[in-house]
Amino acid sequence: MSTNKSILKSAGVISLATFISRILGFVRDVLMAALFGTTGVMEAFVVAFRIPNLLRDLMGEGAMNAAFVPVFSEYKVKHSSQDFWALVNNILKIIFITLGLTTLLGIIFAPFIVKIIAP
């Protein structure tokens, strides 16, 4: 039962952090609109912010939690602590390599990506 409580507590913390992030994002948008209005500077910011925000929406938040939490929880119960941390280490390596390559490709193809997102 303690594993279930731990998972529930962790999910609650992530949900709370996501909720706070949404509130702060709203505050950011209100402040940006108040300070910059609809100027070209604001439009450039919105375009530049849209690309990483899209990646966060696709790869982060709920999708990653839904994919990894059940797998890690089951693996931790069925395998030794050493095997569990070896799995976590391998997954983190793969994530860092993938994010690094995605970032590098984003930098290389930035002019084309911007033309697609903000013609």
Foldseek 3Di string as FASTA:
>chain_A
DVLVVVLVVVVVVLVVVVVVVVVVVVVVVVVCCVVPNPDPVSVVVVLVVVVVVVVCVVPHDPVCCVPPVVVLSVCPVPDPPVVSVVVVVVVVVVVVVVVVVVVVVCVVCVVVSSVVSPD
